[in-house]
Amino acid sequence: KDTGPHDATSDQRARARSLLMGVALSTKA
């Protein structure tokens, strides 16, 4: 968002990245 307090946290962005990488590497997906 355009107001800092509402942005995703660093931890949340890291979790999102981890999930996306997990999908990319998953043979089940």
mmCIF file of all heavy atoms, coordinates in Angstrom:
data_MODEL
# 
_entry.id   MODEL 
# 
loop_
_atom_site.group_PDB 
_atom_site.id 
_atom_site.type_symbol 
_atom_site.label_atom_id 
_atom_site.label_alt_id 
_atom_site.label_comp_id 
_atom_site.label_asym_id 
_atom_site.label_entity_id 
_atom_site.label_seq_id 
_atom_site.pdbx_PDB_ins_code 
_atom_site.Cartn_x 
_atom_site.Cartn_y 
_atom_site.Cartn_z 
_atom_site.occupancy 
_atom_site.B_iso_or_equiv 
_atom_site.pdbx_formal_charge 
_atom_site.auth_seq_id 
_atom_site.auth_comp_id 
_atom_site.auth_asym_id 
_atom_site.auth_atom_id 
_atom_site.pdbx_PDB_model_num 
ATOM 1   N N   . LYS A 1 1  ? 0.822  -1.198  0.000   1.00 0.00 ? 1  LYS A N   1 
ATOM 2   C CA  . LYS A 1 1  ? 0.000  0.000   0.000   1.00 0.00 ? 1  LYS A CA  1 
ATOM 3   C C   . LYS A 1 1  ? 0.858  1.250   0.000   1.00 0.00 ? 1  LYS A C   1 
ATOM 4   O O   . LYS A 1 1  ? 2.053  1.191   0.155   1.00 0.00 ? 1  LYS A O   1 
ATOM 5   C CB  . LYS A 1 1  ? -0.883 -0.029  1.226   1.00 0.00 ? 1  LYS A CB  1 
ATOM 6   C CG  . LYS A 1 1  ? -1.776 -1.242  1.219   1.00 0.00 ? 1  LYS A CG  1 
ATOM 7   C CD  . LYS A 1 1  ? -2.886 -1.029  2.155   1.00 0.00 ? 1  LYS A CD  1 
ATOM 8   C CE  . LYS A 1 1  ? -3.709 -2.256  2.308   1.00 0.00 ? 1  LYS A CE  1 
ATOM 9   N NZ  . LYS A 1 1  ? -3.297 -3.014  3.404   1.00 0.00 ? 1  LYS A NZ  1 
ATOM 10  N N   . ASP A 1 2  ? 0.204  2.352   -0.147  1.00 0.00 ? 2  ASP A N   1 
ATOM 11  C CA  . ASP A 1 2  ? 0.974  3.593   -0.193  1.00 0.00 ? 2  ASP A CA  1 
ATOM 12  C C   . ASP A 1 2  ? 1.062  4.241   1.186   1.00 0.00 ? 2  ASP A C   1 
ATOM 13  O O   . ASP A 1 2  ? 1.414  5.398   1.314   1.00 0.00 ? 2  ASP A O   1 
ATOM 14  C CB  . ASP A 1 2  ? 0.369  4.577   -1.208  1.00 0.00 ? 2  ASP A CB  1 
ATOM 15  C CG  . ASP A 1 2  ? -1.117 4.764   -1.021  1.00 0.00 ? 2  ASP A CG  1 
ATOM 16  O OD1 . ASP A 1 2  ? -1.654 4.233   -0.034  1.00 0.00 ? 2  ASP A OD1 1 
ATOM 17  O OD2 . ASP A 1 2  ? -1.731 5.443   -1.853  1.00 0.00 ? 2  ASP A OD2 1 
ATOM 18  N N   . THR A 1 3  ? 0.729  3.515   2.223   1.00 0.00 ? 3  THR A N   1 
ATOM 19  C CA  . THR A 1 3  ? 0.953  3.988   3.593   1.00 0.00 ? 3  THR A CA  1 
ATOM 20  C C   . THR A 1 3  ? 1.744  2.915   4.317   1.00 0.00 ? 3  THR A C   1 
ATOM 21  O O   . THR A 1 3  ? 1.260  1.803   4.500   1.00 0.00 ? 3  THR A O   1 
ATOM 22  C CB  . THR A 1 3  ? -0.368 4.238   4.328   1.00 0.00 ? 3  THR A CB  1 
ATOM 23  O OG1 . THR A 1 3  ? -1.207 3.099   4.189   1.00 0.00 ? 3  THR A OG1 1 
ATOM 24  C CG2 . THR A 1 3  ? -1.088 5.443   3.747   1.00 0.00 ? 3  THR A CG2 1 
ATOM 25  N N   . GLY A 1 4  ? 2.962  3.229   4.718   1.00 0.00 ? 4  GLY A N   1 
ATOM 26  C CA  . GLY A 1 4  ? 3.879  2.251   5.274   1.00 0.00 ? 4  GLY A CA  1 
ATOM 27  C C   . GLY A 1 4  ? 3.327  1.295   6.302   1.00 0.00 ? 4  GLY A C   1 
ATOM 28  O O   . GLY A 1 4  ? 3.584  0.101   6.235   1.00 0.00 ? 4  GLY A O   1 
ATOM 29  N N   . PRO A 1 5  ? 2.569  1.758   7.309   1.00 0.00 ? 5  PRO A N   1 
ATOM 30  C CA  . PRO A 1 5  ? 2.093  0.855   8.343   1.00 0.00 ? 5  PRO A CA  1 
ATOM 31  C C   . PRO A 1 5  ? 1.244  -0.284  7.807   1.00 0.00 ? 5  PRO A C   1 
ATOM 32  O O   . PRO A 1 5  ? 1.040  -1.283  8.491   1.00 0.00 ? 5  PRO A O   1 
ATOM 33  C CB  . PRO A 1 5  ? 1.264  1.788   9.247   1.00 0.00 ? 5  PRO A CB  1 
ATOM 34  C CG  . PRO A 1 5  ? 1.811  3.140   9.010   1.00 0.00 ? 5  PRO A CG  1 
ATOM 35  C CD  . PRO A 1 5  ? 2.200  3.160   7.558   1.00 0.00 ? 5  PRO A CD  1 
ATOM 36  N N   . HIS A 1 6  ? 0.728  -0.155  6.588   1.00 0.00 ? 6  HIS A N   1 
ATOM 37  C CA  . HIS A 1 6  ? -0.136 -1.189  6.046   1.00 0.00 ? 6  HIS A CA  1 
ATOM 38  C C   . HIS A 1 6  ? 0.615  -2.148  5.123   1.00 0.00 ? 6  HIS A C   1 
ATOM 39  O O   . HIS A 1 6  ? 0.025  -3.090  4.609   1.00 0.00 ? 6  HIS A O   1 
ATOM 40  C CB  . HIS A 1 6  ? -1.300 -0.563  5.280   1.00 0.00 ? 6  HIS A CB  1 
ATOM 41  C CG  . HIS A 1 6  ? -2.253 0.185   6.147   1.00 0.00 ? 6  HIS A CG  1 
ATOM 42  N ND1 . HIS A 1 6  ? -3.235 -0.435  6.893   1.00 0.00 ? 6  HIS A ND1 1 
ATOM 43  C CD2 . HIS A 1 6  ? -2.376 1.499   6.401   1.00 0.00 ? 6  HIS A CD2 1 
ATOM 44  C CE1 . HIS A 1 6  ? -3.930 0.473   7.560   1.00 0.00 ? 6  HIS A CE1 1 
ATOM 45  N NE2 . HIS A 1 6  ? -3.425 1.653   7.281   1.00 0.00 ? 6  HIS A NE2 1 
ATOM 46  N N   . ASP A 1 7  ? 1.860  -1.911  4.869   1.00 0.00 ? 7  ASP A N   1 
ATOM 47  C CA  . ASP A 1 7  ? 2.606  -2.802  3.983   1.00 0.00 ? 7  ASP A CA  1 
ATOM 48  C C   . ASP A 1 7  ? 2.787  -4.167  4.622   1.00 0.00 ? 7  ASP A C   1 
ATOM 49  O O   . ASP A 1 7  ? 2.751  -4.331  5.838   1.00 0.00 ? 7  ASP A O   1 
ATOM 50  C CB  . ASP A 1 7  ? 4.001  -2.225  3.698   1.00 0.00 ? 7  ASP A CB  1 
ATOM 51  C CG  . ASP A 1 7  ? 3.926  -1.024  2.765   1.00 0.00 ? 7  ASP A CG  1 
ATOM 52  O OD1 . ASP A 1 7  ? 2.924  -0.901  2.056   1.00 0.00 ? 7  ASP A OD1 1 
ATOM 53  O OD2 . ASP A 1 7  ? 4.874  -0.230  2.757   1.00 0.00 ? 7  ASP A OD2 1 
ATOM 54  N N   . ALA A 1 8  ? 3.025  -5.158  3.746   1.00 0.00 ? 8  ALA A N   1 
ATOM 55  C CA  . ALA A 1 8  ? 3.389  -6.476  4.258   1.00 0.00 ? 8  ALA A CA  1 
ATOM 56  C C   . ALA A 1 8  ? 4.709  -6.347  5.015   1.00 0.00 ? 8  ALA A C   1 
ATOM 57  O O   . ALA A 1 8  ? 5.575  -5.563  4.658   1.00 0.00 ? 8  ALA A O   1 
ATOM 58  C CB  . ALA A 1 8  ? 3.541  -7.447  3.100   1.00 0.00 ? 8  ALA A CB  1 
ATOM 59  N N   . THR A 1 9  ? 4.859  -7.153  6.061   1.00 0.00 ? 9  THR A N   1 
ATOM 60  C CA  . THR A 1 9  ? 6.104  -7.127  6.819   1.00 0.00 ? 9  THR A CA  1 
ATOM 61  C C   . THR A 1 9  ? 7.184  -7.896  6.067   1.00 0.00 ? 9  THR A C   1 
ATOM 62  O O   . THR A 1 9  ? 6.903  -8.663  5.143   1.00 0.00 ? 9  THR A O   1 
ATOM 63  C CB  . THR A 1 9  ? 5.901  -7.761  8.198   1.00 0.00 ? 9  THR A CB  1 
ATOM 64  O OG1 . THR A 1 9  ? 5.598  -9.163  8.022   1.00 0.00 ? 9  THR A OG1 1 
ATOM 65  C CG2 . THR A 1 9  ? 4.766  -7.084  8.952   1.00 0.00 ? 9  THR A CG2 1 
ATOM 66  N N   . SER A 1 10 ? 8.426  -7.719  6.484   1.00 0.00 ? 10 SER A N   1 
ATOM 67  C CA  . SER A 1 10 ? 9.527  -8.466  5.868   1.00 0.00 ? 10 SER A CA  1 
ATOM 68  C C   . SER A 1 10 ? 9.310  -9.964  6.026   1.00 0.00 ? 10 SER A C   1 
ATOM 69  O O   . SER A 1 10 ? 9.572  -10.741 5.103   1.00 0.00 ? 10 SER A O   1 
ATOM 70  C CB  . SER A 1 10 ? 10.861 -8.052  6.510   1.00 0.00 ? 10 SER A CB  1 
ATOM 71  O OG  . SER A 1 10 ? 11.149 -6.705  6.230   1.00 0.00 ? 10 SER A OG  1 
ATOM 72  N N   . ASP A 1 11 ? 8.848  -10.390 7.194   1.00 0.00 ? 11 ASP A N   1 
ATOM 73  C CA  . ASP A 1 11 ? 8.595  -11.814 7.423   1.00 0.00 ? 11 ASP A CA  1 
ATOM 74  C C   . ASP A 1 11 ? 7.502  -12.332 6.481   1.00 0.00 ? 11 ASP A C   1 
ATOM 75  O O   . ASP A 1 11 ? 7.607  -13.452 5.966   1.00 0.00 ? 11 ASP A O   1 
ATOM 76  C CB  . ASP A 1 11 ? 8.178  -12.059 8.877   1.00 0.00 ? 11 ASP A CB  1 
ATOM 77  C CG  . ASP A 1 11 ? 9.344  -11.970 9.849   1.00 0.00 ? 11 ASP A CG  1 
ATOM 78  O OD1 . ASP A 1 11 ? 10.506 -11.983 9.379   1.00 0.00 ? 11 ASP A OD1 1 
ATOM 79  O OD2 . ASP A 1 11 ? 9.096  -11.894 11.065  1.00 0.00 ? 11 ASP A OD2 1 
ATOM 80  N N   . GLN A 1 12 ? 6.474  -11.540 6.263   1.00 0.00 ? 12 GLN A N   1 
ATOM 81  C CA  . GLN A 1 12 ? 5.399  -11.983 5.377   1.00 0.00 ? 12 GLN A CA  1 
ATOM 82  C C   . GLN A 1 12 ? 5.876  -12.084 3.936   1.00 0.00 ? 12 GLN A C   1 
ATOM 83  O O   . GLN A 1 12 ? 5.539  -13.028 3.220   1.00 0.00 ? 12 GLN A O   1 
ATOM 84  C CB  . GLN A 1 12 ? 4.216  -11.020 5.485   1.00 0.00 ? 12 GLN A CB  1 
ATOM 85  C CG  . GLN A 1 12 ? 3.451  -11.169 6.790   1.00 0.00 ? 12 GLN A CG  1 
ATOM 86  C CD  . GLN A 1 12 ? 2.398  -10.105 6.981   1.00 0.00 ? 12 GLN A CD  1 
ATOM 87  O OE1 . GLN A 1 12 ? 2.547  -8.981  6.505   1.00 0.00 ? 12 GLN A OE1 1 
ATOM 88  N NE2 . GLN A 1 12 ? 1.325  -10.442 7.679   1.00 0.00 ? 12 GLN A NE2 1 
ATOM 89  N N   . ARG A 1 13 ? 6.681  -11.132 3.532   1.00 0.00 ? 13 ARG A N   1 
ATOM 90  C CA  . ARG A 1 13 ? 7.224  -11.201 2.168   1.00 0.00 ? 13 ARG A CA  1 
ATOM 91  C C   . ARG A 1 13 ? 8.153  -12.407 2.018   1.00 0.00 ? 13 ARG A C   1 
ATOM 92  O O   . ARG A 1 13 ? 8.180  -13.057 0.977   1.00 0.00 ? 13 ARG A O   1 
ATOM 93  C CB  . ARG A 1 13 ? 7.952  -9.894  1.833   1.00 0.00 ? 13 ARG A CB  1 
ATOM 94  C CG  . ARG A 1 13 ? 6.990  -8.726  1.618   1.00 0.00 ? 13 ARG A CG  1 
ATOM 95  C CD  . ARG A 1 13 ? 7.729  -7.396  1.517   1.00 0.00 ? 13 ARG A CD  1 
ATOM 96  N NE  . ARG A 1 13 ? 8.706  -7.367  0.432   1.00 0.00 ? 13 ARG A NE  1 
ATOM 97  C CZ  . ARG A 1 13 ? 8.412  -7.125  -0.842  1.00 0.00 ? 13 ARG A CZ  1 
ATOM 98  N NH1 . ARG A 1 13 ? 7.154  -6.917  -1.187  1.00 0.00 ? 13 ARG A NH1 1 
ATOM 99  N NH2 . ARG A 1 13 ? 9.357  -7.095  -1.748  1.00 0.00 ? 13 ARG A NH2 1 
ATOM 100 N N   . ALA A 1 14 ? 8.903  -12.694 3.054   1.00 0.00 ? 14 ALA A N   1 
ATOM 101 C CA  . ALA A 1 14 ? 9.787  -13.855 3.011   1.00 0.00 ? 14 ALA A CA  1 
ATOM 102 C C   . ALA A 1 14 ? 8.968  -15.144 2.938   1.00 0.00 ? 14 ALA A C   1 
ATOM 103 O O   . ALA A 1 14 ? 9.334  -16.088 2.220   1.00 0.00 ? 14 ALA A O   1 
ATOM 104 C CB  . ALA A 1 14 ? 10.687 -13.869 4.254   1.00 0.00 ? 14 ALA A CB  1 
ATOM 105 N N   . ARG A 1 15 ? 7.869  -15.200 3.684   1.00 0.00 ? 15 ARG A N   1 
ATOM 106 C CA  . ARG A 1 15 ? 7.007  -16.379 3.623   1.00 0.00 ? 15 ARG A CA  1 
ATOM 107 C C   . ARG A 1 15 ? 6.405  -16.543 2.232   1.00 0.00 ? 15 ARG A C   1 
ATOM 108 O O   . ARG A 1 15 ? 6.299  -17.657 1.705   1.00 0.00 ? 15 ARG A O   1 
ATOM 109 C CB  . ARG A 1 15 ? 5.880  -16.272 4.654   1.00 0.00 ? 15 ARG A CB  1 
ATOM 110 C CG  . ARG A 1 15 ? 6.303  -16.516 6.088   1.00 0.00 ? 15 ARG A CG  1 
ATOM 111 C CD  . ARG A 1 15 ? 5.159  -16.261 7.045   1.00 0.00 ? 15 ARG A CD  1 
ATOM 112 N NE  . ARG A 1 15 ? 4.070  -17.213 6.850   1.00 0.00 ? 15 ARG A NE  1 
ATOM 113 C CZ  . ARG A 1 15 ? 2.873  -17.089 7.424   1.00 0.00 ? 15 ARG A CZ  1 
ATOM 114 N NH1 . ARG A 1 15 ? 2.621  -16.036 8.209   1.00 0.00 ? 15 ARG A NH1 1 
ATOM 115 N NH2 . ARG A 1 15 ? 1.934  -17.997 7.216   1.00 0.00 ? 15 ARG A NH2 1 
ATOM 116 N N   . ALA A 1 16 ? 6.002  -15.431 1.627   1.00 0.00 ? 16 ALA A N   1 
ATOM 117 C CA  . ALA A 1 16 ? 5.437  -15.487 0.281   1.00 0.00 ? 16 ALA A CA  1 
ATOM 118 C C   . ALA A 1 16 ? 6.480  -15.998 -0.704  1.00 0.00 ? 16 ALA A C   1 
ATOM 119 O O   . ALA A 1 16 ? 6.194  -16.844 -1.556  1.00 0.00 ? 16 ALA A O   1 
ATOM 120 C CB  . ALA A 1 16 ? 4.945  -14.101 -0.133  1.00 0.00 ? 16 ALA A CB  1 
ATOM 121 N N   . ARG A 1 17 ? 7.701  -15.516 -0.580  1.00 0.00 ? 17 ARG A N   1 
ATOM 122 C CA  . ARG A 1 17 ? 8.759  -15.984 -1.472  1.00 0.00 ? 17 ARG A CA  1 
ATOM 123 C C   . ARG A 1 17 ? 8.998  -17.469 -1.283  1.00 0.00 ? 17 ARG A C   1 
ATOM 124 O O   . ARG A 1 17 ? 9.123  -18.227 -2.253  1.00 0.00 ? 17 ARG A O   1 
ATOM 125 C CB  . ARG A 1 17 ? 10.053 -15.216 -1.193  1.00 0.00 ? 17 ARG A CB  1 
ATOM 126 C CG  . ARG A 1 17 ? 11.224 -15.783 -1.985  1.00 0.00 ? 17 ARG A CG  1 
ATOM 127 C CD  . ARG A 1 17 ? 12.534 -15.081 -1.716  1.00 0.00 ? 17 ARG A CD  1 
ATOM 128 N NE  . ARG A 1 17 ? 13.586 -15.733 -2.479  1.00 0.00 ? 17 ARG A NE  1 
ATOM 129 C CZ  . ARG A 1 17 ? 14.667 -15.136 -2.928  1.00 0.00 ? 17 ARG A CZ  1 
ATOM 130 N NH1 . ARG A 1 17 ? 14.844 -13.853 -2.701  1.00 0.00 ? 17 ARG A NH1 1 
ATOM 131 N NH2 . ARG A 1 17 ? 15.584 -15.798 -3.586  1.00 0.00 ? 17 ARG A NH2 1 
ATOM 132 N N   . SER A 1 18 ? 9.063  -17.915 -0.033  1.00 0.00 ? 18 SER A N   1 
ATOM 133 C CA  . SER A 1 18 ? 9.294  -19.327 0.251   1.00 0.00 ? 18 SER A CA  1 
ATOM 134 C C   . SER A 1 18 ? 8.196  -20.197 -0.353  1.00 0.00 ? 18 SER A C   1 
ATOM 135 O O   . SER A 1 18 ? 8.469  -21.259 -0.927  1.00 0.00 ? 18 SER A O   1 
ATOM 136 C CB  . SER A 1 18 ? 9.364  -19.543 1.764   1.00 0.00 ? 18 SER A CB  1 
ATOM 137 O OG  . SER A 1 18 ? 9.552  -20.913 2.061   1.00 0.00 ? 18 SER A OG  1 
ATOM 138 N N   . LEU A 1 19 ? 6.957  -19.727 -0.254  1.00 0.00 ? 19 LEU A N   1 
ATOM 139 C CA  . LEU A 1 19 ? 5.838  -20.484 -0.830  1.00 0.00 ? 19 LEU A CA  1 
ATOM 140 C C   . LEU A 1 19 ? 5.951  -20.554 -2.354  1.00 0.00 ? 19 LEU A C   1 
ATOM 141 O O   . LEU A 1 19 ? 5.735  -21.609 -2.953  1.00 0.00 ? 19 LEU A O   1 
ATOM 142 C CB  . LEU A 1 19 ? 4.520  -19.835 -0.419  1.00 0.00 ? 19 LEU A CB  1 
ATOM 143 C CG  . LEU A 1 19 ? 4.044  -20.129 1.000   1.00 0.00 ? 19 LEU A CG  1 
ATOM 144 C CD1 . LEU A 1 19 ? 2.958  -19.146 1.420   1.00 0.00 ? 19 LEU A CD1 1 
ATOM 145 C CD2 . LEU A 1 19 ? 3.511  -21.559 1.079   1.00 0.00 ? 19 LEU A CD2 1 
ATOM 146 N N   . LEU A 1 20 ? 6.284  -19.445 -2.979  1.00 0.00 ? 20 LEU A N   1 
ATOM 147 C CA  . LEU A 1 20 ? 6.407  -19.429 -4.435  1.00 0.00 ? 20 LEU A CA  1 
ATOM 148 C C   . LEU A 1 20 ? 7.553  -20.332 -4.899  1.00 0.00 ? 20 LEU A C   1 
ATOM 149 O O   . LEU A 1 20 ? 7.428  -21.065 -5.890  1.00 0.00 ? 20 LEU A O   1 
ATOM 150 C CB  . LEU A 1 20 ? 6.614  -18.002 -4.932  1.00 0.00 ? 20 LEU A CB  1 
ATOM 151 C CG  . LEU A 1 20 ? 5.404  -17.076 -4.813  1.00 0.00 ? 20 LEU A CG  1 
ATOM 152 C CD1 . LEU A 1 20 ? 5.792  -15.627 -5.094  1.00 0.00 ? 20 LEU A CD1 1 
ATOM 153 C CD2 . LEU A 1 20 ? 4.286  -17.510 -5.760  1.00 0.00 ? 20 LEU A CD2 1 
ATOM 154 N N   . MET A 1 21 ? 8.673  -20.289 -4.200  1.00 0.00 ? 21 MET A N   1 
ATOM 155 C CA  . MET A 1 21 ? 9.783  -21.168 -4.560  1.00 0.00 ? 21 MET A CA  1 
ATOM 156 C C   . MET A 1 21 ? 9.404  -22.630 -4.344  1.00 0.00 ? 21 MET A C   1 
ATOM 157 O O   . MET A 1 21 ? 9.769  -23.510 -5.137  1.00 0.00 ? 21 MET A O   1 
ATOM 158 C CB  . MET A 1 21 ? 11.022 -20.809 -3.738  1.00 0.00 ? 21 MET A CB  1 
ATOM 159 C CG  . MET A 1 21 ? 11.642 -19.473 -4.114  1.00 0.00 ? 21 MET A CG  1 
ATOM 160 S SD  . MET A 1 21 ? 13.219 -19.125 -3.275  1.00 0.00 ? 21 MET A SD  1 
ATOM 161 C CE  . MET A 1 21 ? 14.315 -20.282 -4.111  1.00 0.00 ? 21 MET A CE  1 
ATOM 162 N N   . GLY A 1 22 ? 8.642  -22.887 -3.287  1.00 0.00 ? 22 GLY A N   1 
ATOM 163 C CA  . GLY A 1 22 ? 8.197  -24.248 -3.037  1.00 0.00 ? 22 GLY A CA  1 
ATOM 164 C C   . GLY A 1 22 ? 7.316  -24.776 -4.150  1.00 0.00 ? 22 GLY A C   1 
ATOM 165 O O   . GLY A 1 22 ? 7.444  -25.939 -4.564  1.00 0.00 ? 22 GLY A O   1 
ATOM 166 N N   . VAL A 1 23 ? 6.432  -23.934 -4.668  1.00 0.00 ? 23 VAL A N   1 
ATOM 167 C CA  . VAL A 1 23 ? 5.580  -24.350 -5.779  1.00 0.00 ? 23 VAL A CA  1 
ATOM 168 C C   . VAL A 1 23 ? 6.428  -24.604 -7.018  1.00 0.00 ? 23 VAL A C   1 
ATOM 169 O O   . VAL A 1 23 ? 6.248  -25.599 -7.731  1.00 0.00 ? 23 VAL A O   1 
ATOM 170 C CB  . VAL A 1 23 ? 4.519  -23.269 -6.080  1.00 0.00 ? 23 VAL A CB  1 
ATOM 171 C CG1 . VAL A 1 23 ? 3.775  -23.595 -7.366  1.00 0.00 ? 23 VAL A CG1 1 
ATOM 172 C CG2 . VAL A 1 23 ? 3.537  -23.167 -4.927  1.00 0.00 ? 23 VAL A CG2 1 
ATOM 173 N N   . ALA A 1 24 ? 7.363  -23.707 -7.296  1.00 0.00 ? 24 ALA A N   1 
ATOM 174 C CA  . ALA A 1 24 ? 8.212  -23.863 -8.482  1.00 0.00 ? 24 ALA A CA  1 
ATOM 175 C C   . ALA A 1 24 ? 8.974  -25.189 -8.460  1.00 0.00 ? 24 ALA A C   1 
ATOM 176 O O   . ALA A 1 24 ? 9.148  -25.842 -9.498  1.00 0.00 ? 24 ALA A O   1 
ATOM 177 C CB  . ALA A 1 24 ? 9.187  -22.693 -8.573  1.00 0.00 ? 24 ALA A CB  1 
ATOM 178 N N   . LEU A 1 25 ? 9.398  -25.598 -7.284  1.00 0.00 ? 25 LEU A N   1 
ATOM 179 C CA  . LEU A 1 25 ? 10.211 -26.815 -7.167  1.00 0.00 ? 25 LEU A CA  1 
ATOM 180 C C   . LEU A 1 25 ? 9.386  -28.082 -6.936  1.00 0.00 ? 25 LEU A C   1 
ATOM 181 O O   . LEU A 1 25 ? 9.921  -29.188 -6.994  1.00 0.00 ? 25 LEU A O   1 
ATOM 182 C CB  . LEU A 1 25 ? 11.201 -26.651 -6.014  1.00 0.00 ? 25 LEU A CB  1 
ATOM 183 C CG  . LEU A 1 25 ? 12.273 -25.570 -6.216  1.00 0.00 ? 25 LEU A CG  1 
ATOM 184 C CD1 . LEU A 1 25 ? 12.986 -25.254 -4.910  1.00 0.00 ? 25 LEU A CD1 1 
ATOM 185 C CD2 . LEU A 1 25 ? 13.277 -26.013 -7.285  1.00 0.00 ? 25 LEU A CD2 1 
ATOM 186 N N   . SER A 1 26 ? 8.095  -27.932 -6.680  1.00 0.00 ? 26 SER A N   1 
ATOM 187 C CA  . SER A 1 26 ? 7.249  -29.075 -6.341  1.00 0.00 ? 26 SER A CA  1 
ATOM 188 C C   . SER A 1 26 ? 6.870  -29.888 -7.573  1.00 0.00 ? 26 SER A C   1 
ATOM 189 O O   . SER A 1 26 ? 6.395  -29.339 -8.569  1.00 0.00 ? 26 SER A O   1 
ATOM 190 C CB  . SER A 1 26 ? 5.981  -28.597 -5.642  1.00 0.00 ? 26 SER A CB  1 
ATOM 191 O OG  . SER A 1 26 ? 5.078  -29.666 -5.466  1.00 0.00 ? 26 SER A OG  1 
ATOM 192 N N   . THR A 1 27 ? 7.054  -31.178 -7.494  1.00 0.00 ? 27 THR A N   1 
ATOM 193 C CA  . THR A 1 27 ? 6.631  -32.052 -8.600  1.00 0.00 ? 27 THR A CA  1 
ATOM 194 C C   . THR A 1 27 ? 5.142  -32.369 -8.501  1.00 0.00 ? 27 THR A C   1 
ATOM 195 O O   . THR A 1 27 ? 4.562  -32.928 -9.434  1.00 0.00 ? 27 THR A O   1 
ATOM 196 C CB  . THR A 1 27 ? 7.433  -33.356 -8.588  1.00 0.00 ? 27 THR A CB  1 
ATOM 197 O OG1 . THR A 1 27 ? 7.285  -33.998 -7.302  1.00 0.00 ? 27 THR A OG1 1 
ATOM 198 C CG2 . THR A 1 27 ? 8.905  -33.087 -8.846  1.00 0.00 ? 27 THR A CG2 1 
ATOM 199 N N   . LYS A 1 28 ? 4.513  -32.029 -7.374  1.00 0.00 ? 28 LYS A N   1 
ATOM 200 C CA  . LYS A 1 28 ? 3.077  -32.283 -7.221  1.00 0.00 ? 28 LYS A CA  1 
ATOM 201 C C   . LYS A 1 28 ? 2.236  -31.163 -7.823  1.00 0.00 ? 28 LYS A C   1 
ATOM 202 O O   . LYS A 1 28 ? 1.074  -31.372 -8.168  1.00 0.00 ? 28 LYS A O   1 
ATOM 203 C CB  . LYS A 1 28 ? 2.715  -32.410 -5.732  1.00 0.00 ? 28 LYS A CB  1 
ATOM 204 C CG  . LYS A 1 28 ? 3.309  -33.613 -5.029  1.00 0.00 ? 28 LYS A CG  1 
ATOM 205 C CD  . LYS A 1 28 ? 2.696  -33.802 -3.647  1.00 0.00 ? 28 LYS A CD  1 
ATOM 206 C CE  . LYS A 1 28 ? 2.999  -32.648 -2.725  1.00 0.00 ? 28 LYS A CE  1 
ATOM 207 N NZ  . LYS A 1 28 ? 2.436  -32.866 -1.354  1.00 0.00 ? 28 LYS A NZ  1 
ATOM 208 N N   . ALA A 1 29 ? 2.800  -29.981 -7.924  1.00 0.00 ? 29 ALA A N   1 
ATOM 209 C CA  . ALA A 1 29 ? 2.036  -28.825 -8.384  1.00 0.00 ? 29 ALA A CA  1 
ATOM 210 C C   . ALA A 1 29 ? 1.830  -28.857 -9.899  1.00 0.00 ? 29 ALA A C   1 
ATOM 211 O O   . ALA A 1 29 ? 2.590  -29.494 -10.644 1.00 0.00 ? 29 ALA A O   1 
ATOM 212 C CB  . ALA A 1 29 ? 2.750  -27.536 -7.984  1.00 0.00 ? 29 ALA A CB  1 
# 
